[in-house]
Amino acid sequence: MVQRRRLSVFSLSFLDVMSCGFGAVVLIFLIINHDTQEDQEVVNDDLLAEIRMLDYQVQQGEKNLFELIETMDDINARVEQSDENLATTQSTIETQQSRLEELEESSIAKTESLKALTADIESREDEVNRLLALKAANDGAQVRAFEGEGDRQYLTGLKVGGRNIVIAVDTSASMLDDTIVNVLRRRNMSEERQRNAPKWQRAVRTVEWLAAQLPLDAEFQLYTFAEETKSLVDESDMDWVPMHDGQALNGAVEELRTIVPSGGSSLAKLVLEVRELSPIPDNVYLITDGLPTQGENPPRGATVTGKRRLDLFGDAVNRLPKQIPINVIMFPMEGDPMASAAYWNVARVTGGAFISPSWDWP
């Protein structure tokens, strides 16, 4: 029997083969790893360069961003300033436009006023021509004649004129005399003697003198005022009365002769009547001797202080239309020192005249 040889797996040939295979694997690994490291180094350099480029770009971008922010802030500031300038300019334009409109309206009003004045001048010229013709026809005749020293206007500077004229005479008790004692004494006399009191007769003659100076084409109103205001023209209904033939004027003067001065005086009620006239007077001729003693209502006490009388005067004057000249003929009363100054100031402010005539005027 033949003896078989035992087989060994780990023979020299097998080990050689395994060693050669392992060596081949190591060699391949070394070759591949070296190439990978070189490729990685190349890739890392490129990435680093890109990162540095990106960092530079970021820095430049931030710098540019700051510059843009500053530029935007400056632009915003300029825009705000421009808005303010625009608002100011618009406000100025609106103001100028408003002024222009006012000027245009004023110009239109002045043009219309000029046309009205031109028409009024033409109308007055026609009226003047008519009056000149009337004067020539009447040869200087007057509606009323006044006997005395003639035309004494050169002594007073008081001229009677206008189309609408008011004569107002104070008929309070103080018109009986110049002193308080004599006023009290005359109040106890007969009515005939009171009517013939020298001071009251001077007032009546003054009204006659004014009436004689009224223009022929005028319209008039003759008032008496004491505690109440009354028109002496019959059926006038407190309105203007044309001169015409002078019959109404003569009747009013004759009615004045029959009046007996009495009571207190209310200038306020006279002013209220004057304000109701339409058109307003061209001239008011006021004959009085002192400040009023009451307003629209009777006084509460029996006496009135000088200060209170001055206040009543101021209240009445403040109600007068400002464009009416007030001409005052003053017969001063004892114990009323502020009256002359107050009435003088009213005449001065309104463009009228103030006189305190001598005992023999008119």
Protein backbone atom coordinates (compact mmCIF):
# COMPACT_ATOMS: atom_id res chain seq x y z
CA MET A 1 0.00 0.00 0.00
CA VAL A 2 1.33 3.23 -1.10
CA GLN A 3 1.61 5.93 1.70
CA ARG A 4 0.06 9.26 0.75
CA ARG A 5 1.83 12.56 1.31
CA ARG A 6 0.09 14.99 3.66
CA LEU A 7 -1.07 18.29 2.07
CA SER A 8 -0.20 21.66 3.94
CA VAL A 9 -2.18 24.76 3.16
CA PHE A 10 0.43 27.23 4.40
CA SER A 11 3.10 26.35 2.07
CA LEU A 12 5.89 28.57 0.89
CA SER A 13 4.23 29.26 -2.38
CA PHE A 14 1.04 30.44 -0.73
CA LEU A 15 2.89 32.77 1.58
CA ASP A 16 4.83 34.19 -1.33
CA VAL A 17 1.66 34.83 -3.19
CA MET A 18 0.06 36.48 -0.16
CA SER A 19 3.11 38.61 0.47
CA CYS A 20 3.20 39.74 -3.11
CA GLY A 21 -0.51 40.63 -2.97
CA PHE A 22 -0.12 42.55 0.25
CA GLY A 23 2.83 44.44 -1.12
CA ALA A 24 0.86 45.33 -4.22
CA VAL A 25 -1.98 46.67 -2.08
CA VAL A 26 0.40 48.82 0.00
CA LEU A 27 2.03 50.14 -3.12
CA ILE A 28 -1.31 51.04 -4.62
CA PHE A 29 -2.37 52.74 -1.35
CA LEU A 30 0.79 54.82 -1.24
CA ILE A 31 0.38 55.87 -4.82
CA ILE A 32 -3.29 56.81 -4.39
CA ASN A 33 -2.79 58.64 -1.04
CA HIS A 34 0.04 60.80 -2.42
CA ASP A 35 -2.07 61.91 -5.37
CA THR A 36 -4.99 62.71 -3.09
CA GLN A 37 -2.80 64.83 -0.79
CA GLU A 38 -1.45 66.82 -3.72
CA ASP A 39 -4.94 67.32 -5.10
CA GLN A 40 -6.14 68.40 -1.65
CA GLU A 41 -3.32 70.91 -1.26
CA VAL A 42 -4.16 72.36 -4.67
CA VAL A 43 -7.86 72.53 -3.78
CA ASN A 44 -7.07 74.15 -0.38
CA ASP A 45 -4.95 76.85 -2.04
CA ASP A 46 -7.73 77.71 -4.46
CA LEU A 47 -10.32 77.86 -1.68
CA LEU A 48 -8.06 80.05 0.41
CA ALA A 49 -7.58 82.41 -2.48
CA GLU A 50 -11.33 82.56 -3.03
CA ILE A 51 -11.95 83.13 0.68
CA ARG A 52 -9.44 85.97 0.71
CA MET A 53 -11.10 87.41 -2.37
CA LEU A 54 -14.49 87.12 -0.71
CA ASP A 55 -13.14 88.76 2.47
CA TYR A 56 -11.79 91.63 0.42
CA GLN A 57 -15.06 91.97 -1.40
CA VAL A 58 -16.95 91.93 1.92
CA GLN A 59 -14.70 94.67 3.30
CA GLN A 60 -15.17 96.72 0.15
CA GLY A 61 -18.90 96.09 0.30
CA GLU A 62 -19.08 97.23 3.93
CA LYS A 63 -17.10 100.34 3.07
CA ASN A 64 -19.35 101.04 0.11
CA LEU A 65 -22.39 100.36 2.33
CA PHE A 66 -21.25 102.96 4.90
CA GLU A 67 -20.67 105.45 2.10
CA LEU A 68 -24.11 104.71 0.70
CA ILE A 69 -25.70 105.13 4.15
CA GLU A 70 -23.95 108.49 4.61
CA THR A 71 -24.99 109.52 1.11
CA MET A 72 -28.59 108.45 1.81
CA ASP A 73 -28.64 110.39 5.10
CA ASP A 74 -27.35 113.46 3.27
CA ILE A 75 -29.96 112.99 0.53
CA ASN A 76 -32.72 112.57 3.16
CA ALA A 77 -31.58 115.77 4.90
CA ARG A 78 -31.63 117.59 1.57
CA VAL A 79 -35.08 116.18 0.82
CA GLU A 80 -36.38 117.40 4.21
CA GLN A 81 -34.83 120.82 3.61
CA SER A 82 -36.38 120.87 0.15
CA ASP A 83 -39.76 119.93 1.64
CA GLU A 84 -39.47 122.80 4.14
CA ASN A 85 -38.45 125.20 1.37
CA LEU A 86 -41.34 123.95 -0.75
CA ALA A 87 -43.81 124.43 2.12
CA THR A 88 -42.45 127.95 2.73
CA THR A 89 -42.66 128.74 -0.96
CA GLN A 90 -46.23 127.42 -1.16
CA SER A 91 -47.20 129.49 1.90
CA THR A 92 -45.62 132.57 0.32
CA ILE A 93 -47.42 131.89 -2.94
CA GLU A 94 -50.74 131.51 -1.14
CA THR A 95 -50.14 134.75 0.79
CA GLN A 96 -49.23 136.58 -2.40
CA GLN A 97 -52.28 135.17 -4.15
CA SER A 98 -54.49 136.28 -1.23
CA ARG A 99 -52.97 139.77 -1.38
CA LEU A 100 -53.41 139.82 -5.13
CA GLU A 101 -57.08 138.90 -4.74
CA GLU A 102 -57.51 141.60 -2.09
CA LEU A 103 -55.83 144.13 -4.36
CA GLU A 104 -58.05 143.10 -7.24
CA GLU A 105 -61.16 143.40 -5.04
CA SER A 106 -59.93 146.73 -3.72
CA SER A 107 -59.23 147.91 -7.24
CA ILE A 108 -62.72 146.87 -8.34
CA ALA A 109 -64.25 148.57 -5.29
CA LYS A 110 -62.24 151.74 -5.92
CA THR A 111 -63.29 151.71 -9.57
CA GLU A 112 -66.94 151.36 -8.58
CA SER A 113 -66.50 154.03 -5.91
CA LEU A 114 -64.89 156.33 -8.47
CA LYS A 115 -67.79 155.79 -10.83
CA ALA A 116 -70.24 156.51 -8.01
CA LEU A 117 -68.33 159.65 -7.02
CA THR A 118 -68.24 160.80 -10.61
CA ALA A 119 -71.99 160.30 -10.90
CA ASP A 120 -72.48 162.09 -7.57
CA ILE A 121 -70.33 165.02 -8.72
CA GLU A 122 -72.33 165.29 -11.91
CA SER A 123 -75.56 165.18 -9.91
CA ARG A 124 -74.30 167.83 -7.50
CA GLU A 125 -73.17 170.01 -10.38
CA ASP A 126 -76.69 169.82 -11.79
CA GLU A 127 -78.07 170.65 -8.34
CA VAL A 128 -75.68 173.59 -7.98
CA ASN A 129 -76.76 174.93 -11.35
CA ARG A 130 -80.39 174.54 -10.28
CA LEU A 131 -79.74 176.37 -7.01
CA LEU A 132 -77.86 179.14 -8.76
CA ALA A 133 -80.82 179.58 -11.05
CA LEU A 134 -83.18 179.51 -8.06
CA LYS A 135 -81.04 182.05 -6.24
CA ALA A 136 -81.01 184.33 -9.25
CA ALA A 137 -84.79 184.01 -9.53
CA ASN A 138 -85.35 184.81 -5.86
CA ASP A 139 -82.72 187.55 -5.88
CA GLY A 140 -81.17 186.40 -2.62
CA ALA A 141 -84.43 185.90 -0.71
CA GLN A 142 -84.44 183.71 2.42
CA VAL A 143 -87.18 181.51 3.83
CA ARG A 144 -86.78 183.20 7.23
CA ALA A 145 -85.38 186.60 8.05
CA PHE A 146 -83.47 187.33 11.24
CA GLU A 147 -83.54 190.83 12.64
CA GLY A 148 -80.39 191.91 14.41
CA GLU A 149 -76.75 192.53 13.59
CA GLY A 150 -76.98 190.82 10.20
CA ASP A 151 -74.75 187.91 9.19
CA ARG A 152 -72.51 187.49 12.21
CA GLN A 153 -70.89 184.30 11.06
CA TYR A 154 -67.56 186.08 10.80
CA LEU A 155 -67.53 186.26 14.59
CA THR A 156 -68.10 182.57 15.20
CA GLY A 157 -66.76 180.53 12.29
CA LEU A 158 -70.07 178.67 12.43
CA LYS A 159 -71.44 177.99 8.97
CA VAL A 160 -74.83 176.38 8.43
CA GLY A 161 -74.80 173.98 5.49
CA GLY A 162 -75.65 170.52 4.26
CA ARG A 163 -78.63 168.75 2.74
CA ASN A 164 -79.88 167.16 5.99
CA ILE A 165 -79.61 169.35 9.08
CA VAL A 166 -80.61 168.77 12.70
CA ILE A 167 -81.13 171.59 15.20
CA ALA A 168 -81.44 170.35 18.78
CA VAL A 169 -82.12 172.69 21.72
CA ASP A 170 -81.88 171.80 25.41
CA THR A 171 -85.19 172.51 27.20
CA SER A 172 -84.22 171.31 30.68
CA ALA A 173 -84.78 173.53 33.74
CA SER A 174 -81.15 174.70 33.74
CA MET A 175 -81.89 176.75 30.59
CA LEU A 176 -83.79 179.25 32.78
CA ASP A 177 -80.64 180.89 34.14
CA ASP A 178 -76.84 180.74 34.47
CA THR A 179 -76.75 180.04 38.22
CA ILE A 180 -78.33 177.27 40.26
CA VAL A 181 -79.87 179.71 42.74
CA ASN A 182 -81.62 181.70 40.02
CA VAL A 183 -82.78 178.51 38.30
CA LEU A 184 -84.46 177.41 41.54
CA ARG A 185 -85.95 180.87 41.95
CA ARG A 186 -87.33 181.04 38.40
CA ARG A 187 -88.85 177.56 38.67
CA ASN A 188 -91.29 179.00 41.17
CA MET A 189 -92.33 181.86 38.88
CA SER A 190 -95.19 181.89 36.41
CA GLU A 191 -94.83 180.14 33.08
CA GLU A 192 -94.89 183.46 31.26
CA ARG A 193 -91.91 184.75 33.25
CA GLN A 194 -90.08 181.46 32.77
CA ARG A 195 -90.55 181.70 28.98
CA ASN A 196 -89.18 185.26 29.10
CA ALA A 197 -86.07 184.29 31.08
CA PRO A 198 -83.05 185.95 29.38
CA LYS A 199 -81.08 182.75 28.99
CA TRP A 200 -84.00 180.88 27.44
CA GLN A 201 -84.74 183.77 25.08
CA ARG A 202 -81.10 183.66 23.93
CA ALA A 203 -81.57 179.98 23.12
CA VAL A 204 -84.75 180.73 21.16
CA ARG A 205 -83.02 183.53 19.21
CA THR A 206 -80.12 181.19 18.46
CA VAL A 207 -82.55 178.69 16.94
CA GLU A 208 -84.10 181.52 14.89
CA TRP A 209 -80.66 182.56 13.68
CA LEU A 210 -79.80 178.98 12.65
CA ALA A 211 -83.19 178.58 10.95
CA ALA A 212 -82.56 181.75 8.94
CA GLN A 213 -79.29 180.29 7.63
CA LEU A 214 -80.73 176.98 6.39
CA PRO A 215 -80.19 176.41 2.64
CA LEU A 216 -83.30 176.53 0.48
CA ASP A 217 -82.81 172.97 -0.75
CA ALA A 218 -82.16 171.49 2.69
CA GLU A 219 -84.20 169.04 4.70
CA PHE A 220 -84.28 169.67 8.43
CA GLN A 221 -85.42 168.42 11.81
CA LEU A 222 -85.89 170.56 14.92
CA TYR A 223 -85.70 168.70 18.23
CA THR A 224 -86.12 169.70 21.84
CA PHE A 225 -84.56 167.44 24.43
CA ALA A 226 -84.99 167.33 28.18
CA GLU A 227 -86.10 164.13 29.90
CA GLU A 228 -87.65 163.20 26.54
CA THR A 229 -86.83 164.13 22.94
CA LYS A 230 -89.54 165.71 20.82
CA SER A 231 -89.76 166.95 17.23
CA LEU A 232 -91.37 170.38 16.85
CA VAL A 233 -92.40 169.73 13.25
CA ASP A 234 -96.05 168.65 12.97
CA GLU A 235 -96.67 165.23 11.45
CA SER A 236 -92.97 164.71 10.73
CA ASP A 237 -93.00 161.27 12.37
CA MET A 238 -89.40 162.02 13.39
CA ASP A 239 -88.32 162.04 9.72
CA TRP A 240 -86.73 164.67 7.47
CA VAL A 241 -88.85 167.67 6.53
CA PRO A 242 -88.15 169.59 3.27
CA MET A 243 -87.77 173.37 3.46
CA HIS A 244 -90.19 174.15 0.58
CA ASP A 245 -91.78 177.51 1.37
CA GLY A 246 -90.59 177.52 5.00
CA GLN A 247 -94.03 176.98 6.52
CA ALA A 248 -92.96 173.87 8.46
CA LEU A 249 -89.82 175.61 9.72
CA ASN A 250 -91.73 178.71 10.85
CA GLY A 251 -94.30 176.56 12.62
CA ALA A 252 -91.55 174.66 14.47
CA VAL A 253 -89.91 177.90 15.65
CA GLU A 254 -93.28 179.28 16.85
CA GLU A 255 -93.86 176.01 18.73
CA LEU A 256 -90.46 176.47 20.43
CA ARG A 257 -91.58 179.89 21.74
CA THR A 258 -94.39 178.27 23.74
CA ILE A 259 -92.13 175.81 25.61
CA VAL A 260 -91.28 176.29 29.28
CA PRO A 261 -87.91 174.72 30.21
CA SER A 262 -88.25 172.05 32.90
CA GLY A 263 -86.92 168.76 34.21
CA GLY A 264 -83.58 167.09 33.62
CA SER A 265 -81.76 166.43 30.37
CA SER A 266 -81.11 163.16 28.49
CA LEU A 267 -78.58 163.45 25.68
CA ALA A 268 -78.81 159.68 25.12
CA LYS A 269 -82.45 159.87 23.97
CA LEU A 270 -81.58 162.66 21.54
CA VAL A 271 -78.76 160.54 20.10
CA LEU A 272 -81.14 157.61 19.63
CA GLU A 273 -83.52 159.81 17.60
CA VAL A 274 -80.67 161.18 15.48
CA ARG A 275 -79.47 157.66 14.72
CA GLU A 276 -82.93 156.72 13.41
CA LEU A 277 -82.84 159.41 10.72
CA SER A 278 -82.20 158.21 7.17
CA PRO A 279 -80.03 159.40 5.60
CA ILE A 280 -77.85 160.42 8.52
CA PRO A 281 -77.47 164.19 9.13
CA ASP A 282 -74.84 166.24 7.36
CA ASN A 283 -74.68 168.55 10.40
CA VAL A 284 -76.07 168.61 13.92
CA TYR A 285 -76.36 171.98 15.72
CA LEU A 286 -76.66 171.45 19.47
CA ILE A 287 -77.75 174.29 21.78
CA THR A 288 -77.16 173.41 25.42
CA ASP A 289 -75.71 174.62 28.72
CA GLY A 290 -74.18 171.54 30.34
CA LEU A 291 -73.75 167.82 30.69
CA PRO A 292 -76.81 165.53 30.79
CA THR A 293 -78.36 164.56 34.14
CA GLN A 294 -79.76 161.19 33.05
CA GLY A 295 -79.37 158.47 30.43
CA GLU A 296 -82.08 156.43 28.80
CA ASN A 297 -83.61 155.81 32.22
CA PRO A 298 -84.40 158.34 34.99
CA PRO A 299 -81.78 158.66 37.78
CA ARG A 300 -82.36 156.75 41.00
CA GLY A 301 -81.49 159.64 43.29
CA ALA A 302 -82.43 163.30 43.48
CA THR A 303 -78.89 164.47 42.69
CA VAL A 304 -76.31 163.50 40.07
CA THR A 305 -72.57 163.87 40.65
CA GLY A 306 -70.29 165.58 38.19
CA LYS A 307 -68.50 162.31 37.43
CA ARG A 308 -71.80 160.56 36.76
CA ARG A 309 -72.87 163.35 34.38
CA LEU A 310 -69.59 163.03 32.52
CA ASP A 311 -70.14 159.25 32.22
CA LEU A 312 -73.68 159.82 30.89
CA PHE A 313 -72.26 162.25 28.33
CA GLY A 314 -69.61 159.75 27.22
CA ASP A 315 -72.17 156.95 26.85
CA ALA A 316 -74.39 159.16 24.68
CA VAL A 317 -71.55 160.43 22.47
CA ASN A 318 -70.20 156.91 21.90
CA ARG A 319 -73.53 156.02 20.26
CA LEU A 320 -73.28 158.80 17.69
CA PRO A 321 -72.34 157.83 14.12
CA LYS A 322 -68.71 158.88 13.74
CA GLN A 323 -69.15 160.73 10.44
CA ILE A 324 -71.64 163.35 11.71
CA PRO A 325 -70.16 166.81 12.51
CA ILE A 326 -71.46 168.04 15.89
CA ASN A 327 -71.63 171.84 16.18
CA VAL A 328 -72.11 173.02 19.76
CA ILE A 329 -73.42 176.41 20.89
CA MET A 330 -72.72 176.52 24.61
CA PHE A 331 -74.34 178.72 27.27
CA PRO A 332 -72.22 177.67 30.29
CA MET A 333 -73.95 176.79 33.53
CA GLU A 334 -72.60 177.44 37.02
CA GLY A 335 -71.35 174.29 38.77
CA ASP A 336 -70.64 172.34 35.57
CA PRO A 337 -66.95 173.06 34.82
CA MET A 338 -66.35 169.95 32.70
CA ALA A 339 -69.14 170.64 30.22
CA SER A 340 -67.32 173.10 27.96
CA ALA A 341 -64.24 170.89 27.64
CA ALA A 342 -66.34 167.78 26.93
CA TYR A 343 -68.46 169.43 24.23
CA TRP A 344 -65.41 171.15 22.72
CA ASN A 345 -63.68 167.78 22.38
CA VAL A 346 -66.74 166.26 20.66
CA ALA A 347 -66.88 169.13 18.18
CA ARG A 348 -63.16 168.83 17.49
CA VAL A 349 -63.21 165.05 16.99
CA THR A 350 -66.26 165.06 14.71
CA GLY A 351 -65.12 168.01 12.59
CA GLY A 352 -67.76 170.42 13.91
CA ALA A 353 -67.51 173.82 15.58
CA PHE A 354 -67.75 174.87 19.23
CA ILE A 355 -68.71 178.35 20.36
CA SER A 356 -69.61 179.89 23.69
CA PRO A 357 -71.02 183.23 22.50
CA SER A 358 -71.23 186.52 24.34
CA TRP A 359 -74.47 187.57 26.06
CA ASP A 360 -75.61 189.69 23.08
CA TRP A 361 -75.26 186.95 20.43
CA PRO A 362 -76.95 186.39 18.09
